[in-house]
């Protein structure tokens, strides 16, 4: 990943060695040599949350601003810093943690992470594949991951104006209507101080979608009516009265109609639907037990 970062700034000719006589002649030395971009010494540099930097993070800290500027030179210093911190937190920090022996995978379901994907390019014990060839293949994957992460973050910055305008133009406080799809979740959480918006509507290629907004606990503020769940086309139309109703996800967080008029009608119905009562305490236990019995 450190090499992928550098390739965004320089035309890199990579030399993989620990020979100090060779290292002394190179422009940039990282991950070896004991310099400022090598994390293998005892005097490590730590983030505020206690995770030590590895070479990937050290290289990102030093060259990441140039990577971002190369992609968008119009960004202000504050905007660049927000992207730097976001990429470090979402992408680089996990790599650094594992590189420093800090185990961070605590999920019950095993997940492949960036580090395991990249390390998978190491030739296995039965392979005669050249290590440098395998390394360069891994760098190509790392470059794609890095560029996607940076591009996606920059797209969020560009989307802010669109989301703010749509928010200010709301006719129904619970409903955000976008003229075109753009990343809205993070921006909406920032500007919707009174936590009013329940649904967002946006156009698709040949239809319109409505999606629930989730709270800080990643729970839908208000799901679509239970009678919609998993229904399609005529079946959904008969339930909603919307002629061009197309689909409602079984999770009741996404629904689609063929026209703006249709999706607006579905939004109206969803907003009018009474709030579901959530069981609590012993009643929640009984509720879950009854659901299992029914199954």
Protein backbone atom coordinates (compact mmCIF):
# COMPACT_ATOMS: atom_id res chain seq x y z
CA UNK A 1 0.00 0.00 0.00
CA UNK A 2 2.90 2.36 0.73
CA UNK A 3 4.23 1.69 -2.78
CA UNK A 4 0.76 2.31 -4.25
CA UNK A 5 0.68 5.69 -2.49
CA UNK A 6 4.08 6.68 -3.87
CA UNK A 7 3.13 5.60 -7.40
CA UNK A 8 0.37 8.23 -7.31
CA UNK A 9 3.04 10.92 -6.86
CA UNK A 10 6.17 9.64 -8.61
CA UNK A 11 7.23 7.43 -11.48
CA UNK A 12 8.53 4.78 -9.12
CA UNK A 13 11.43 2.47 -9.86
CA UNK A 14 11.26 0.10 -6.92
CA UNK A 15 14.28 -1.59 -5.35
CA UNK A 16 13.50 -4.22 -2.70
CA UNK A 17 16.60 -4.67 -0.54
CA UNK A 18 18.04 -4.34 2.97
CA UNK A 19 21.56 -3.64 1.72
CA UNK A 20 22.49 -0.30 3.34
CA UNK A 21 25.00 0.50 0.59
CA UNK A 22 22.17 0.38 -1.96
CA UNK A 23 19.68 2.14 0.33
CA UNK A 24 22.04 5.10 0.75
CA UNK A 25 21.80 5.86 -2.97
CA UNK A 26 17.97 5.86 -3.18
CA UNK A 27 15.68 8.91 -3.11
CA UNK A 28 13.05 7.43 -0.76
CA UNK A 29 13.54 4.55 1.65
CA UNK A 30 10.58 3.03 3.47
CA UNK A 31 9.82 -0.07 5.54
CA UNK A 32 13.56 -0.73 5.92
CA UNK A 33 16.69 1.25 6.75
CA UNK A 34 15.65 2.63 10.14
CA UNK A 35 14.70 6.09 8.81
CA UNK A 36 11.58 8.17 9.26
CA UNK A 37 9.47 5.90 7.04
CA UNK A 38 10.49 2.65 8.75
CA UNK A 39 8.36 1.54 11.71
CA UNK A 40 10.43 -1.41 12.87
CA UNK A 41 12.37 0.44 15.58
CA UNK A 42 11.38 0.79 19.23
CA UNK A 43 10.69 4.52 18.92
CA UNK A 44 7.30 4.20 17.17
CA UNK A 45 4.97 7.06 16.24
CA UNK A 46 1.44 6.66 17.61
CA UNK A 47 -1.97 7.98 16.59
CA UNK A 48 -4.19 9.69 19.12
CA UNK A 49 -6.18 6.46 19.56
CA UNK A 50 -3.01 4.53 20.40
CA UNK A 51 -2.56 2.65 17.10
CA UNK A 52 1.10 2.90 16.00
CA UNK A 53 1.98 3.99 12.49
CA UNK A 54 3.52 1.42 10.16
CA UNK A 55 5.31 2.34 6.95
CA UNK A 56 2.01 2.57 5.07
CA UNK A 57 0.70 5.23 7.44
CA UNK A 58 4.01 7.08 7.60
CA UNK A 59 4.12 7.26 3.79
CA UNK A 60 0.46 8.38 3.66
CA UNK A 61 1.12 11.12 6.21
CA UNK A 62 4.04 12.44 4.20
CA UNK A 63 2.76 12.05 0.61
CA UNK A 64 -1.03 11.73 0.92
CA UNK A 65 -1.65 15.45 0.53
CA UNK A 66 0.09 15.39 -2.84
CA UNK A 67 -2.00 12.36 -3.87
CA UNK A 68 -5.18 14.30 -3.12
CA UNK A 69 -3.98 17.52 -4.72
CA UNK A 70 -3.10 15.63 -7.89
CA UNK A 71 -6.68 14.41 -8.07
CA UNK A 72 -8.31 17.74 -7.21
CA UNK A 73 -6.14 20.85 -7.00
CA UNK A 74 -9.13 23.08 -6.17
CA UNK A 75 -9.56 21.72 -2.65
CA UNK A 76 -8.76 24.00 0.27
CA UNK A 77 -6.31 23.02 2.98
CA UNK A 78 -9.08 22.13 5.42
CA UNK A 79 -10.81 19.90 2.86
CA UNK A 80 -7.54 18.13 2.07
CA UNK A 81 -6.99 17.46 5.76
CA UNK A 82 -10.45 15.92 6.12
CA UNK A 83 -9.70 13.53 3.26
CA UNK A 84 -6.28 12.69 4.74
CA UNK A 85 -7.86 11.81 8.10
CA UNK A 86 -10.73 9.88 6.53
CA UNK A 87 -8.46 7.68 4.38
CA UNK A 88 -6.16 7.07 7.32
CA UNK A 89 -9.05 6.04 9.54
CA UNK A 90 -10.97 3.96 7.01
CA UNK A 91 -8.12 2.34 5.08
CA UNK A 92 -4.60 2.90 6.35
CA UNK A 93 -4.97 2.54 10.12
CA UNK A 94 -6.17 -1.05 9.93
CA UNK A 95 -3.21 -1.97 7.75
CA UNK A 96 -0.83 -0.28 10.20
CA UNK A 97 -2.42 -1.98 13.19
CA UNK A 98 -1.98 -5.47 11.75
CA UNK A 99 1.54 -4.61 10.53
CA UNK A 100 2.42 -3.71 14.12
CA UNK A 101 0.88 -6.85 15.59
CA UNK A 102 -2.28 -5.19 16.89
CA UNK A 103 -5.14 -7.60 16.24
CA UNK A 104 -8.33 -5.73 15.35
CA UNK A 105 -10.63 -8.39 13.86
CA UNK A 106 -13.26 -9.02 16.54
CA UNK A 107 -16.24 -10.07 14.42
CA UNK A 108 -17.74 -13.53 14.82
CA UNK A 109 -17.91 -13.96 11.05
CA UNK A 110 -14.41 -14.14 9.51
CA UNK A 111 -13.78 -11.22 7.15
CA UNK A 112 -10.98 -10.79 4.67
CA UNK A 113 -9.22 -7.46 5.21
CA UNK A 114 -6.94 -5.40 2.98
CA UNK A 115 -3.84 -6.82 4.63
CA UNK A 116 -4.92 -10.44 4.17
CA UNK A 117 -5.87 -9.80 0.54
CA UNK A 118 -2.49 -8.23 -0.22
CA UNK A 119 -0.51 -10.85 1.70
CA UNK A 120 -2.35 -13.47 -0.34
CA UNK A 121 -0.19 -12.45 -3.28
CA UNK A 122 2.90 -13.89 -1.58
CA UNK A 123 3.99 -17.00 -3.52
CA UNK A 124 2.92 -20.10 -1.59
CA UNK A 125 5.41 -22.65 -0.37
CA UNK A 126 5.03 -24.80 -3.51
CA UNK A 127 5.33 -21.90 -5.95
CA UNK A 128 8.32 -20.96 -8.08
CA UNK A 129 6.83 -17.53 -8.85
CA UNK A 130 9.24 -14.60 -8.62
CA UNK A 131 8.58 -12.54 -5.46
CA UNK A 132 8.99 -9.22 -7.25
CA UNK A 133 6.41 -10.21 -9.87
CA UNK A 134 3.98 -11.18 -7.11
CA UNK A 135 4.73 -7.93 -5.26
CA UNK A 136 3.95 -5.82 -8.30
CA UNK A 137 0.66 -7.66 -8.79
CA UNK A 138 -0.23 -6.87 -5.18
CA UNK A 139 0.66 -3.19 -5.72
CA UNK A 140 -1.79 -3.03 -8.64
CA UNK A 141 -4.59 -4.25 -6.36
CA UNK A 142 -3.52 -1.86 -3.60
CA UNK A 143 -3.55 1.00 -6.12
CA UNK A 144 -7.13 0.20 -7.12
CA UNK A 145 -8.22 0.07 -3.48
CA UNK A 146 -6.47 3.35 -2.68
CA UNK A 147 -7.85 5.19 -5.69
CA UNK A 148 -11.37 3.96 -5.05
CA UNK A 149 -11.16 5.08 -1.42
CA UNK A 150 -9.85 8.56 -2.30
CA UNK A 151 -12.24 9.04 -5.24
CA UNK A 152 -15.23 8.01 -3.13
CA UNK A 153 -14.24 10.44 -0.41
CA UNK A 154 -13.81 13.27 -2.89
CA UNK A 155 -17.25 12.47 -4.30
CA UNK A 156 -18.74 13.00 -0.84
CA UNK A 157 -17.19 16.47 -0.69
CA UNK A 158 -18.60 17.29 -4.13
CA UNK A 159 -22.05 16.03 -3.12
CA UNK A 160 -22.44 18.35 -0.16
CA UNK A 161 -23.82 21.28 -2.15
CA UNK A 162 -26.44 19.07 -3.84
CA UNK A 163 -27.60 17.54 -0.57
CA UNK A 164 -27.74 20.88 1.25
CA UNK A 165 -29.82 22.43 -1.55
CA UNK A 166 -32.25 19.51 -1.54
CA UNK A 167 -32.50 19.71 2.24
CA UNK A 168 -33.28 23.42 2.18
CA UNK A 169 -35.96 22.94 -0.53
CA UNK A 170 -37.91 20.26 1.35
CA UNK A 171 -41.67 20.66 1.20
CA UNK A 172 -42.16 17.77 3.62
CA UNK A 173 -39.67 17.84 6.49
CA UNK A 174 -39.44 14.04 6.65
CA UNK A 175 -38.59 13.68 2.98
CA UNK A 176 -35.36 14.52 1.12
CA UNK A 177 -35.69 14.53 -2.68
CA UNK A 178 -32.50 14.44 -4.76
CA UNK A 179 -32.45 15.40 -8.45
CA UNK A 180 -29.79 12.73 -8.96
CA UNK A 181 -28.22 10.14 -6.74
CA UNK A 182 -25.19 11.23 -4.73
CA UNK A 183 -23.66 10.21 -1.40
CA UNK A 184 -26.05 11.76 1.13
CA UNK A 185 -25.85 9.80 4.39
CA UNK A 186 -22.91 11.46 6.12
CA UNK A 187 -23.88 14.94 4.92
CA UNK A 188 -27.48 14.50 6.07
CA UNK A 189 -26.36 13.42 9.53
CA UNK A 190 -24.33 16.60 9.71
CA UNK A 191 -27.02 19.06 8.59
CA UNK A 192 -30.23 17.43 9.89
CA UNK A 193 -29.73 18.67 13.44
CA UNK A 194 -33.34 18.03 14.44
CA UNK A 195 -33.26 14.51 13.04
CA UNK A 196 -36.32 15.14 10.86
CA UNK A 197 -35.65 13.29 7.59
CA UNK A 198 -36.99 9.73 7.48
CA UNK A 199 -36.71 8.92 3.77
CA UNK A 200 -34.69 9.96 0.73
CA UNK A 201 -35.93 9.78 -2.87
CA UNK A 202 -33.62 9.71 -5.89
CA UNK A 203 -33.87 8.82 -9.59
CA UNK A 204 -32.40 5.64 -11.02
CA UNK A 205 -31.72 4.79 -14.65
CA UNK A 206 -35.33 3.99 -15.51
CA UNK A 207 -37.19 4.35 -12.20
CA UNK A 208 -37.25 6.10 -8.82
CA UNK A 209 -36.18 4.76 -5.45
CA UNK A 210 -37.05 5.63 -1.88
CA UNK A 211 -34.77 4.60 0.94
CA UNK A 212 -34.99 4.80 4.70
CA UNK A 213 -32.63 6.97 6.73
CA UNK A 214 -30.82 5.23 9.56
CA UNK A 215 -29.99 6.61 13.00
CA UNK A 216 -26.63 6.54 14.77
CA UNK A 217 -27.27 2.91 15.76
CA UNK A 218 -27.66 2.00 12.07
CA UNK A 219 -31.33 1.25 12.58
CA UNK A 220 -33.99 2.51 10.18
CA UNK A 221 -35.77 5.49 11.69
CA UNK A 222 -39.00 4.25 10.13
CA UNK A 223 -39.27 1.13 8.02
CA UNK A 224 -41.73 0.84 5.17
CA UNK A 225 -45.05 -0.87 5.99
CA UNK A 226 -44.74 -4.57 6.79
CA UNK A 227 -47.36 -5.35 4.13
CA UNK A 228 -44.87 -4.19 1.44
CA UNK A 229 -42.02 -6.48 2.42
CA UNK A 230 -40.69 -8.59 -0.46
CA UNK A 231 -43.55 -7.76 -2.80
CA UNK A 232 -43.10 -6.93 -6.48
CA UNK A 233 -45.03 -5.49 -9.42
CA UNK A 234 -48.76 -6.33 -9.39
CA UNK A 235 -48.68 -7.70 -5.85
CA UNK A 236 -47.06 -4.52 -4.54
CA UNK A 237 -49.38 -2.39 -6.66
CA UNK A 238 -52.43 -4.04 -5.13
CA UNK A 239 -51.15 -3.37 -1.62
CA UNK A 240 -50.10 0.23 -2.21
CA UNK A 241 -52.51 1.37 -4.90
CA UNK A 242 -49.50 2.63 -6.88
CA UNK A 243 -49.85 1.35 -10.45
CA UNK A 244 -46.15 1.43 -11.29
CA UNK A 245 -44.86 0.10 -7.96
CA UNK A 246 -41.92 -2.18 -8.74
CA UNK A 247 -40.32 -3.62 -5.63
CA UNK A 248 -39.89 -3.42 -1.87
CA UNK A 249 -36.93 -5.08 -0.18
CA UNK A 250 -37.70 -7.71 2.43
CA UNK A 251 -35.75 -5.58 4.90
CA UNK A 252 -38.22 -2.73 4.23
CA UNK A 253 -35.49 -0.13 3.72
CA UNK A 254 -35.68 0.24 -0.08
CA UNK A 255 -38.62 0.52 -2.49
CA UNK A 256 -38.87 1.35 -6.19
CA UNK A 257 -41.54 2.75 -8.50
CA UNK A 258 -41.52 3.53 -12.20
CA UNK A 259 -42.23 7.25 -11.86
CA UNK A 260 -41.66 10.17 -9.54
CA UNK A 261 -45.42 10.38 -9.02
CA UNK A 262 -45.50 6.74 -7.99
CA UNK A 263 -42.61 6.96 -5.56
CA UNK A 264 -44.05 10.13 -4.02
CA UNK A 265 -47.31 8.26 -3.40
CA UNK A 266 -45.38 5.45 -1.71
CA UNK A 267 -43.58 8.02 0.43
CA UNK A 268 -46.91 9.51 1.43
CA UNK A 269 -48.24 6.10 2.43
CA UNK A 270 -45.10 5.23 4.39
CA UNK A 271 -45.18 8.51 6.30
CA UNK A 272 -48.87 8.02 7.15
CA UNK A 273 -48.30 4.47 8.44
CA UNK A 274 -48.50 4.33 12.26
CA UNK A 275 -45.22 3.82 14.07
CA UNK A 276 -44.50 0.21 14.99
CA UNK A 277 -44.46 -0.51 18.70
CA UNK A 278 -41.18 -2.01 19.76
CA UNK A 279 -41.37 -4.65 22.50
CA UNK A 280 -39.10 -4.12 25.50
CA UNK A 281 -37.83 -6.12 28.46
CA UNK A 282 -39.66 -9.38 29.16
CA UNK A 283 -42.13 -8.56 26.40
CA UNK A 284 -39.30 -8.46 23.88
CA UNK A 285 -38.18 -11.90 25.05
CA UNK A 286 -41.72 -13.27 24.69
CA UNK A 287 -42.09 -11.56 21.30
CA UNK A 288 -38.94 -13.21 19.97
CA UNK A 289 -39.95 -16.59 21.43
CA UNK A 290 -43.37 -16.40 19.78
CA UNK A 291 -41.76 -15.58 16.42
CA UNK A 292 -39.60 -18.70 16.72
CA UNK A 293 -42.66 -20.81 17.61
CA UNK A 294 -44.51 -19.49 14.55
CA UNK A 295 -41.58 -20.42 12.33
